[in-house]
Amino acid sequence: MTEMNQDEARVQALMGVVERVNAWQETAPDGTIRDELDKALEEAGVTLTEHQKEQVTDQISRQEEVDYDLLASHTGEGGPA
């Protein structure tokens, strides 16, 4: 079994977070999506910058694909995980 590096682990966690929010928030308003995103990130132990959270919220509300690799490789003030 190969070890997962920090970026790969972060991508896996982010994918789980977005899948969770998408599962029942497809038609929810942005405020609700953001609240659920914040809860899911906290439970997963993943941090994002404020800008990244806004970007992901917008992508989910528009039902667009989230660029997980970009979020994983640009942790900024949000920290590694």
PDB file of N, CA and C in Angstrom:
ATOM      1  N   MET A   1       0.843  -1.167   0.000  1.00  0.00           N
ATOM      2  CA  MET A   1       0.000   0.000   0.000  1.00  0.00           C
ATOM      3  C   MET A   1       0.897   1.242   0.000  1.00  0.00           C
ATOM      4  N   THR A   2       0.558   2.231  -0.819  1.00  0.00           N
ATOM      5  CA  THR A   2       1.355   3.443  -0.882  1.00  0.00           C
ATOM      6  C   THR A   2       0.820   4.467   0.110  1.00  0.00           C
ATOM      7  N   GLU A   3       1.726   5.284   0.610  1.00  0.00           N
ATOM      8  CA  GLU A   3       1.322   6.339   1.521  1.00  0.00           C
ATOM      9  C   GLU A   3       0.752   7.510   0.739  1.00  0.00           C
ATOM     10  N   MET A   4      -0.244   8.143   1.298  1.00  0.00           N
ATOM     11  CA  MET A   4      -0.862   9.296   0.662  1.00  0.00           C
ATOM     12  C   MET A   4      -0.140  10.551   1.162  1.00  0.00           C
ATOM     13  N   ASN A   5       0.287  11.413   0.225  1.00  0.00           N
ATOM     14  CA  ASN A   5       0.930  12.644   0.667  1.00  0.00           C
ATOM     15  C   ASN A   5      -0.131  13.628   1.151  1.00  0.00           C
ATOM     16  N   GLN A   6       0.298  14.730   1.697  1.00  0.00           N
ATOM     17  CA  GLN A   6      -0.623  15.692   2.305  1.00  0.00           C
ATOM     18  C   GLN A   6      -1.595  16.286   1.281  1.00  0.00           C
ATOM     19  N   ASP A   7      -1.123  16.609   0.084  1.00  0.00           N
ATOM     20  CA  ASP A   7      -2.006  17.158  -0.949  1.00  0.00           C
ATOM     21  C   ASP A   7      -3.063  16.143  -1.361  1.00  0.00           C
ATOM     22  N   GLU A   8      -2.664  14.879  -1.509  1.00  0.00           N
ATOM     23  CA  GLU A   8      -3.623  13.840  -1.881  1.00  0.00           C
ATOM     24  C   GLU A   8      -4.670  13.647  -0.791  1.00  0.00           C
ATOM     25  N   ALA A   9      -4.226  13.665   0.458  1.00  0.00           N
ATOM     26  CA  ALA A   9      -5.165  13.517   1.572  1.00  0.00           C
ATOM     27  C   ALA A   9      -6.130  14.702   1.617  1.00  0.00           C
ATOM     28  N   ARG A  10      -5.603  15.875   1.346  1.00  0.00           N
ATOM     29  CA  ARG A  10      -6.448  17.077   1.338  1.00  0.00           C
ATOM     30  C   ARG A  10      -7.487  17.001   0.220  1.00  0.00           C
ATOM     31  N   VAL A  11      -7.066  16.541  -0.965  1.00  0.00           N
ATOM     32  CA  VAL A  11      -7.994  16.395  -2.083  1.00  0.00           C
ATOM     33  C   VAL A  11      -9.092  15.402  -1.719  1.00  0.00           C
ATOM     34  N   GLN A  12      -8.729  14.284  -1.137  1.00  0.00           N
ATOM     35  CA  GLN A  12      -9.727  13.281  -0.743  1.00  0.00           C
ATOM     36  C   GLN A  12     -10.719  13.864   0.258  1.00  0.00           C
ATOM     37  N   ALA A  13     -10.223  14.603   1.233  1.00  0.00           N
ATOM     38  CA  ALA A  13     -11.103  15.209   2.235  1.00  0.00           C
ATOM     39  C   ALA A  13     -12.012  16.258   1.597  1.00  0.00           C
ATOM     40  N   LEU A  14     -11.459  17.085   0.724  1.00  0.00           N
ATOM     41  CA  LEU A  14     -12.260  18.108   0.043  1.00  0.00           C
ATOM     42  C   LEU A  14     -13.334  17.487  -0.841  1.00  0.00           C
ATOM     43  N   MET A  15     -12.996  16.398  -1.500  1.00  0.00           N
ATOM     44  CA  MET A  15     -13.984  15.720  -2.340  1.00  0.00           C
ATOM     45  C   MET A  15     -15.148  15.222  -1.483  1.00  0.00           C
ATOM     46  N   GLY A  16     -14.827  14.667  -0.336  1.00  0.00           N
ATOM     47  CA  GLY A  16     -15.878  14.205   0.566  1.00  0.00           C
ATOM     48  C   GLY A  16     -16.749  15.343   1.060  1.00  0.00           C
ATOM     49  N   VAL A  17     -16.132  16.471   1.375  1.00  0.00           N
ATOM     50  CA  VAL A  17     -16.875  17.647   1.837  1.00  0.00           C
ATOM     51  C   VAL A  17     -17.831  18.130   0.752  1.00  0.00           C
ATOM     52  N   VAL A  18     -17.325  18.302  -0.450  1.00  0.00           N
ATOM     53  CA  VAL A  18     -18.155  18.813  -1.541  1.00  0.00           C
ATOM     54  C   VAL A  18     -19.262  17.819  -1.884  1.00  0.00           C
ATOM     55  N   GLU A  19     -18.956  16.532  -1.893  1.00  0.00           N
ATOM     56  CA  GLU A  19     -19.983  15.525  -2.170  1.00  0.00           C
ATOM     57  C   GLU A  19     -21.090  15.597  -1.124  1.00  0.00           C
ATOM     58  N   ARG A  20     -20.705  15.764   0.135  1.00  0.00           N
ATOM     59  CA  ARG A  20     -21.695  15.859   1.216  1.00  0.00           C
ATOM     60  C   ARG A  20     -22.612  17.059   1.001  1.00  0.00           C
ATOM     61  N   VAL A  21     -22.018  18.206   0.722  1.00  0.00           N
ATOM     62  CA  VAL A  21     -22.819  19.421   0.539  1.00  0.00           C
ATOM     63  C   VAL A  21     -23.683  19.301  -0.712  1.00  0.00           C
ATOM     64  N   ASN A  22     -23.133  18.773  -1.780  1.00  0.00           N
ATOM     65  CA  ASN A  22     -23.888  18.598  -3.025  1.00  0.00           C
ATOM     66  C   ASN A  22     -25.062  17.636  -2.865  1.00  0.00           C
ATOM     67  N   ALA A  23     -24.902  16.646  -2.018  1.00  0.00           N
ATOM     68  CA  ALA A  23     -25.905  15.590  -1.898  1.00  0.00           C
ATOM     69  C   ALA A  23     -27.293  16.121  -1.559  1.00  0.00           C
ATOM     70  N   TRP A  24     -27.368  17.163  -0.778  1.00  0.00           N
ATOM     71  CA  TRP A  24     -28.690  17.643  -0.397  1.00  0.00           C
ATOM     72  C   TRP A  24     -28.850  19.150  -0.506  1.00  0.00           C
ATOM     73  N   GLN A  25     -27.897  19.826  -1.113  1.00  0.00           N
ATOM     74  CA  GLN A  25     -27.958  21.276  -1.206  1.00  0.00           C
ATOM     75  C   GLN A  25     -28.092  21.787  -2.641  1.00  0.00           C
ATOM     76  N   GLU A  26     -28.464  20.951  -3.577  1.00  0.00           N
ATOM     77  CA  GLU A  26     -28.457  21.351  -4.982  1.00  0.00           C
ATOM     78  C   GLU A  26     -29.299  22.596  -5.267  1.00  0.00           C
ATOM     79  N   THR A  27     -30.398  22.778  -4.562  1.00  0.00           N
ATOM     80  CA  THR A  27     -31.259  23.930  -4.833  1.00  0.00           C
ATOM     81  C   THR A  27     -31.304  24.904  -3.663  1.00  0.00           C
ATOM     82  N   ALA A  28     -30.412  24.748  -2.727  1.00  0.00           N
ATOM     83  CA  ALA A  28     -30.391  25.616  -1.546  1.00  0.00           C
ATOM     84  C   ALA A  28     -29.777  26.975  -1.870  1.00  0.00           C
ATOM     85  N   PRO A  29     -30.152  28.010  -1.131  1.00  0.00           N
ATOM     86  CA  PRO A  29     -29.530  29.321  -1.327  1.00  0.00           C
ATOM     87  C   PRO A  29     -28.064  29.299  -0.885  1.00  0.00           C
ATOM     88  N   ASP A  30     -27.296  30.265  -1.414  1.00  0.00           N
ATOM     89  CA  ASP A  30     -25.858  30.310  -1.116  1.00  0.00           C
ATOM     90  C   ASP A  30     -25.552  30.318   0.380  1.00  0.00           C
ATOM     91  N   GLY A  31     -26.334  31.036   1.171  1.00  0.00           N
ATOM     92  CA  GLY A  31     -26.083  31.097   2.613  1.00  0.00           C
ATOM     93  C   GLY A  31     -26.156  29.734   3.260  1.00  0.00           C
ATOM     94  N   THR A  32     -27.121  28.928   2.850  1.00  0.00           N
ATOM     95  CA  THR A  32     -27.253  27.576   3.387  1.00  0.00           C
ATOM     96  C   THR A  32     -26.103  26.707   2.920  1.00  0.00           C
ATOM     97  N   ILE A  33     -25.741  26.830   1.662  1.00  0.00           N
ATOM     98  CA  ILE A  33     -24.616  26.062   1.138  1.00  0.00           C
ATOM     99  C   ILE A  33     -23.357  26.411   1.911  1.00  0.00           C
ATOM    100  N   ARG A  34     -23.123  27.678   2.151  1.00  0.00           N
ATOM    101  CA  ARG A  34     -21.928  28.109   2.880  1.00  0.00           C
ATOM    102  C   ARG A  34     -21.929  27.569   4.300  1.00  0.00           C
ATOM    103  N   ASP A  35     -23.083  27.617   4.974  1.00  0.00           N
ATOM    104  CA  ASP A  35     -23.165  27.080   6.336  1.00  0.00           C
ATOM    105  C   ASP A  35     -22.805  25.597   6.356  1.00  0.00           C
ATOM    106  N   GLU A  36     -23.362  24.854   5.423  1.00  0.00           N
ATOM    107  CA  GLU A  36     -23.086  23.421   5.358  1.00  0.00           C
ATOM    108  C   GLU A  36     -21.645  23.138   4.963  1.00  0.00           C
ATOM    109  N   LEU A  37     -21.096  23.962   4.080  1.00  0.00           N
ATOM    110  CA  LEU A  37     -19.691  23.815   3.703  1.00  0.00           C
ATOM    111  C   LEU A  37     -18.802  24.023   4.927  1.00  0.00           C
ATOM    112  N   ASP A  38     -19.072  25.074   5.691  1.00  0.00           N
ATOM    113  CA  ASP A  38     -18.283  25.345   6.899  1.00  0.00           C
ATOM    114  C   ASP A  38     -18.348  24.180   7.885  1.00  0.00           C
ATOM    115  N   LYS A  39     -19.548  23.637   8.087  1.00  0.00           N
ATOM    116  CA  LYS A  39     -19.715  22.501   9.006  1.00  0.00           C
ATOM    117  C   LYS A  39     -18.941  21.282   8.511  1.00  0.00           C
ATOM    118  N   ALA A  40     -19.070  20.993   7.223  1.00  0.00           N
ATOM    119  CA  ALA A  40     -18.404  19.816   6.661  1.00  0.00           C
ATOM    120  C   ALA A  40     -16.887  19.968   6.702  1.00  0.00           C
ATOM    121  N   LEU A  41     -16.382  21.162   6.413  1.00  0.00           N
ATOM    122  CA  LEU A  41     -14.933  21.397   6.480  1.00  0.00           C
ATOM    123  C   LEU A  41     -14.424  21.194   7.900  1.00  0.00           C
ATOM    124  N   GLU A  42     -15.166  21.714   8.864  1.00  0.00           N
ATOM    125  CA  GLU A  42     -14.754  21.578  10.268  1.00  0.00           C
ATOM    126  C   GLU A  42     -14.724  20.111  10.675  1.00  0.00           C
ATOM    127  N   GLU A  43     -15.764  19.368  10.320  1.00  0.00           N
ATOM    128  CA  GLU A  43     -15.816  17.952  10.672  1.00  0.00           C
ATOM    129  C   GLU A  43     -14.712  17.158   9.992  1.00  0.00           C
ATOM    130  N   ALA A  44     -14.338  17.555   8.780  1.00  0.00           N
ATOM    131  CA  ALA A  44     -13.278  16.858   8.049  1.00  0.00           C
ATOM    132  C   ALA A  44     -11.887  17.315   8.480  1.00  0.00           C
ATOM    133  N   GLY A  45     -11.823  18.400   9.239  1.00  0.00           N
ATOM    134  CA  GLY A  45     -10.530  18.917   9.677  1.00  0.00           C
ATOM    135  C   GLY A  45      -9.756  19.601   8.562  1.00  0.00           C
ATOM    136  N   VAL A  46     -10.486  20.165   7.597  1.00  0.00           N
ATOM    137  CA  VAL A  46      -9.860  20.835   6.459  1.00  0.00           C
ATOM    138  C   VAL A  46     -10.163  22.323   6.545  1.00  0.00           C
ATOM    139  N   THR A  47      -9.159  23.139   6.263  1.00  0.00           N
ATOM    140  CA  THR A  47      -9.360  24.578   6.260  1.00  0.00           C
ATOM    141  C   THR A  47      -9.165  25.131   4.860  1.00  0.00           C
ATOM    142  N   LEU A  48      -9.917  26.162   4.560  1.00  0.00           N
ATOM    143  CA  LEU A  48      -9.776  26.904   3.311  1.00  0.00           C
ATOM    144  C   LEU A  48      -9.741  28.380   3.656  1.00  0.00           C
ATOM    145  N   THR A  49      -9.156  29.172   2.773  1.00  0.00           N
ATOM    146  CA  THR A  49      -9.197  30.617   2.964  1.00  0.00           C
ATOM    147  C   THR A  49     -10.626  31.095   2.723  1.00  0.00           C
ATOM    148  N   GLU A  50     -10.913  32.300   3.135  1.00  0.00           N
ATOM    149  CA  GLU A  50     -12.239  32.872   2.915  1.00  0.00           C
ATOM    150  C   GLU A  50     -12.557  32.919   1.417  1.00  0.00           C
ATOM    151  N   HIS A  51     -11.574  33.304   0.627  1.00  0.00           N
ATOM    152  CA  HIS A  51     -11.769  33.353  -0.833  1.00  0.00           C
ATOM    153  C   HIS A  51     -12.090  31.964  -1.391  1.00  0.00           C
ATOM    154  N   GLN A  52     -11.367  30.950  -0.938  1.00  0.00           N
ATOM    155  CA  GLN A  52     -11.606  29.594  -1.412  1.00  0.00           C
ATOM    156  C   GLN A  52     -13.019  29.127  -1.034  1.00  0.00           C
ATOM    157  N   LYS A  53     -13.448  29.449   0.180  1.00  0.00           N
ATOM    158  CA  LYS A  53     -14.798  29.071   0.605  1.00  0.00           C
ATOM    159  C   LYS A  53     -15.854  29.734  -0.273  1.00  0.00           C
ATOM    160  N   GLU A  54     -15.655  31.004  -0.584  1.00  0.00           N
ATOM    161  CA  GLU A  54     -16.593  31.717  -1.452  1.00  0.00           C
ATOM    162  C   GLU A  54     -16.620  31.082  -2.837  1.00  0.00           C
ATOM    163  N   GLN A  55     -15.445  30.722  -3.338  1.00  0.00           N
ATOM    164  CA  GLN A  55     -15.333  30.109  -4.658  1.00  0.00           C
ATOM    165  C   GLN A  55     -16.053  28.755  -4.689  1.00  0.00           C
ATOM    166  N   VAL A  56     -15.821  27.918  -3.698  1.00  0.00           N
ATOM    167  CA  VAL A  56     -16.449  26.602  -3.649  1.00  0.00           C
ATOM    168  C   VAL A  56     -17.966  26.743  -3.496  1.00  0.00           C
ATOM    169  N   THR A  57     -18.405  27.661  -2.646  1.00  0.00           N
ATOM    170  CA  THR A  57     -19.841  27.894  -2.471  1.00  0.00           C
ATOM    171  C   THR A  57     -20.483  28.280  -3.794  1.00  0.00           C
ATOM    172  N   ASP A  58     -19.833  29.175  -4.510  1.00  0.00           N
ATOM    173  CA  ASP A  58     -20.358  29.614  -5.806  1.00  0.00           C
ATOM    174  C   ASP A  58     -20.394  28.457  -6.800  1.00  0.00           C
ATOM    175  N   GLN A  59     -19.341  27.658  -6.831  1.00  0.00           N
ATOM    176  CA  GLN A  59     -19.291  26.530  -7.767  1.00  0.00           C
ATOM    177  C   GLN A  59     -20.382  25.504  -7.445  1.00  0.00           C
ATOM    178  N   ILE A  60     -20.602  25.241  -6.163  1.00  0.00           N
ATOM    179  CA  ILE A  60     -21.646  24.300  -5.780  1.00  0.00           C
ATOM    180  C   ILE A  60     -23.014  24.856  -6.160  1.00  0.00           C
ATOM    181  N   SER A  61     -23.245  26.134  -5.881  1.00  0.00           N
ATOM    182  CA  SER A  61     -24.559  26.716  -6.177  1.00  0.00           C
ATOM    183  C   SER A  61     -24.833  26.743  -7.681  1.00  0.00           C
ATOM    184  N   ARG A  62     -23.774  26.849  -8.487  1.00  0.00           N
ATOM    185  CA  ARG A  62     -23.925  26.846  -9.948  1.00  0.00           C
ATOM    186  C   ARG A  62     -23.843  25.430 -10.532  1.00  0.00           C
ATOM    187  N   GLN A  63     -23.642  24.458  -9.634  1.00  0.00           N
ATOM    188  CA  GLN A  63     -23.478  23.060 -10.019  1.00  0.00           C
ATOM    189  C   GLN A  63     -22.304  22.880 -10.972  1.00  0.00           C
ATOM    190  N   GLU A  64     -21.234  23.619 -10.707  1.00  0.00           N
ATOM    191  CA  GLU A  64     -20.008  23.513 -11.486  1.00  0.00           C
ATOM    192  C   GLU A  64     -19.050  22.548 -10.802  1.00  0.00           C
ATOM    193  N   GLU A  65     -18.100  22.062 -11.562  1.00  0.00           N
ATOM    194  CA  GLU A  65     -17.086  21.175 -11.012  1.00  0.00           C
ATOM    195  C   GLU A  65     -16.101  21.974 -10.167  1.00  0.00           C
ATOM    196  N   VAL A  66     -15.746  21.437  -9.018  1.00  0.00           N
ATOM    197  CA  VAL A  66     -14.790  22.076  -8.126  1.00  0.00           C
ATOM    198  C   VAL A  66     -13.390  21.592  -8.484  1.00  0.00           C
ATOM    199  N   ASP A  67     -12.433  22.524  -8.585  1.00  0.00           N
ATOM    200  CA  ASP A  67     -11.038  22.178  -8.902  1.00  0.00           C
ATOM    201  C   ASP A  67     -10.314  21.820  -7.606  1.00  0.00           C
ATOM    202  N   TYR A  68     -10.363  20.552  -7.241  1.00  0.00           N
ATOM    203  CA  TYR A  68      -9.782  20.091  -5.979  1.00  0.00           C
ATOM    204  C   TYR A  68      -8.270  20.255  -5.956  1.00  0.00           C
ATOM    205  N   ASP A  69      -7.615  19.995  -7.076  1.00  0.00           N
ATOM    206  CA  ASP A  69      -6.157  20.106  -7.111  1.00  0.00           C
ATOM    207  C   ASP A  69      -5.704  21.533  -6.829  1.00  0.00           C
ATOM    208  N   LEU A  70      -6.436  22.505  -7.358  1.00  0.00           N
ATOM    209  CA  LEU A  70      -6.099  23.898  -7.103  1.00  0.00           C
ATOM    210  C   LEU A  70      -6.261  24.218  -5.618  1.00  0.00           C
ATOM    211  N   LEU A  71      -7.323  23.734  -5.015  1.00  0.00           N
ATOM    212  CA  LEU A  71      -7.542  23.973  -3.585  1.00  0.00           C
ATOM    213  C   LEU A  71      -6.477  23.284  -2.741  1.00  0.00           C
ATOM    214  N   ALA A  72      -6.031  22.128  -3.158  1.00  0.00           N
ATOM    215  CA  ALA A  72      -5.036  21.380  -2.392  1.00  0.00           C
ATOM    216  C   ALA A  72      -3.667  22.015  -2.478  1.00  0.00           C
ATOM    217  N   SER A  73      -3.339  22.566  -3.636  1.00  0.00           N
ATOM    218  CA  SER A  73      -1.982  23.075  -3.820  1.00  0.00           C
ATOM    219  C   SER A  73      -1.826  24.537  -3.424  1.00  0.00           C
ATOM    220  N   HIS A  74      -2.926  25.236  -3.177  1.00  0.00           N
ATOM    221  CA  HIS A  74      -2.867  26.637  -2.775  1.00  0.00           C
ATOM    222  C   HIS A  74      -3.595  26.812  -1.445  1.00  0.00           C
ATOM    223  N   THR A  75      -2.943  26.356  -0.383  1.00  0.00           N
ATOM    224  CA  THR A  75      -3.595  26.371   0.914  1.00  0.00           C
ATOM    225  C   THR A  75      -3.640  27.757   1.522  1.00  0.00           C
ATOM    226  N   GLY A  76      -2.688  28.610   1.169  1.00  0.00           N
ATOM    227  CA  GLY A  76      -2.689  29.987   1.670  1.00  0.00           C
ATOM    228  C   GLY A  76      -2.854  30.057   3.169  1.00  0.00           C
ATOM    229  N   GLU A  77      -3.612  31.038   3.640  1.00  0.00           N
ATOM    230  CA  GLU A  77      -3.795  31.217   5.067  1.00  0.00           C
ATOM    231  C   GLU A  77      -4.670  30.149   5.684  1.00  0.00           C
ATOM    232  N   GLY A  78      -5.289  29.326   4.849  1.00  0.00           N
ATOM    233  CA  GLY A  78      -6.178  28.307   5.344  1.00  0.00           C
ATOM    234  C   GLY A  78      -5.451  27.105   5.943  1.00  0.00           C
ATOM    235  N   GLY A  79      -4.177  27.001   5.721  1.00  0.00           N
ATOM    236  CA  GLY A  79      -3.418  25.903   6.297  1.00  0.00           C
ATOM    237  C   GLY A  79      -3.499  24.642   5.466  1.00  0.00           C
ATOM    238  N   PRO A  80      -2.695  23.671   5.795  1.00  0.00           N
ATOM    239  CA  PRO A  80      -2.584  22.465   4.997  1.00  0.00           C
ATOM    240  C   PRO A  80      -3.784  21.524   5.107  1.00  0.00           C
ATOM    241  N   ALA A  81      -4.395  21.470   6.237  1.00  0.00           N
ATOM    242  CA  ALA A  81      -5.537  20.569   6.403  1.00  0.00           C
ATOM    243  C   ALA A  81      -6.313  20.934   7.627  1.00  0.00           C
TER     244      ALA A  81
END
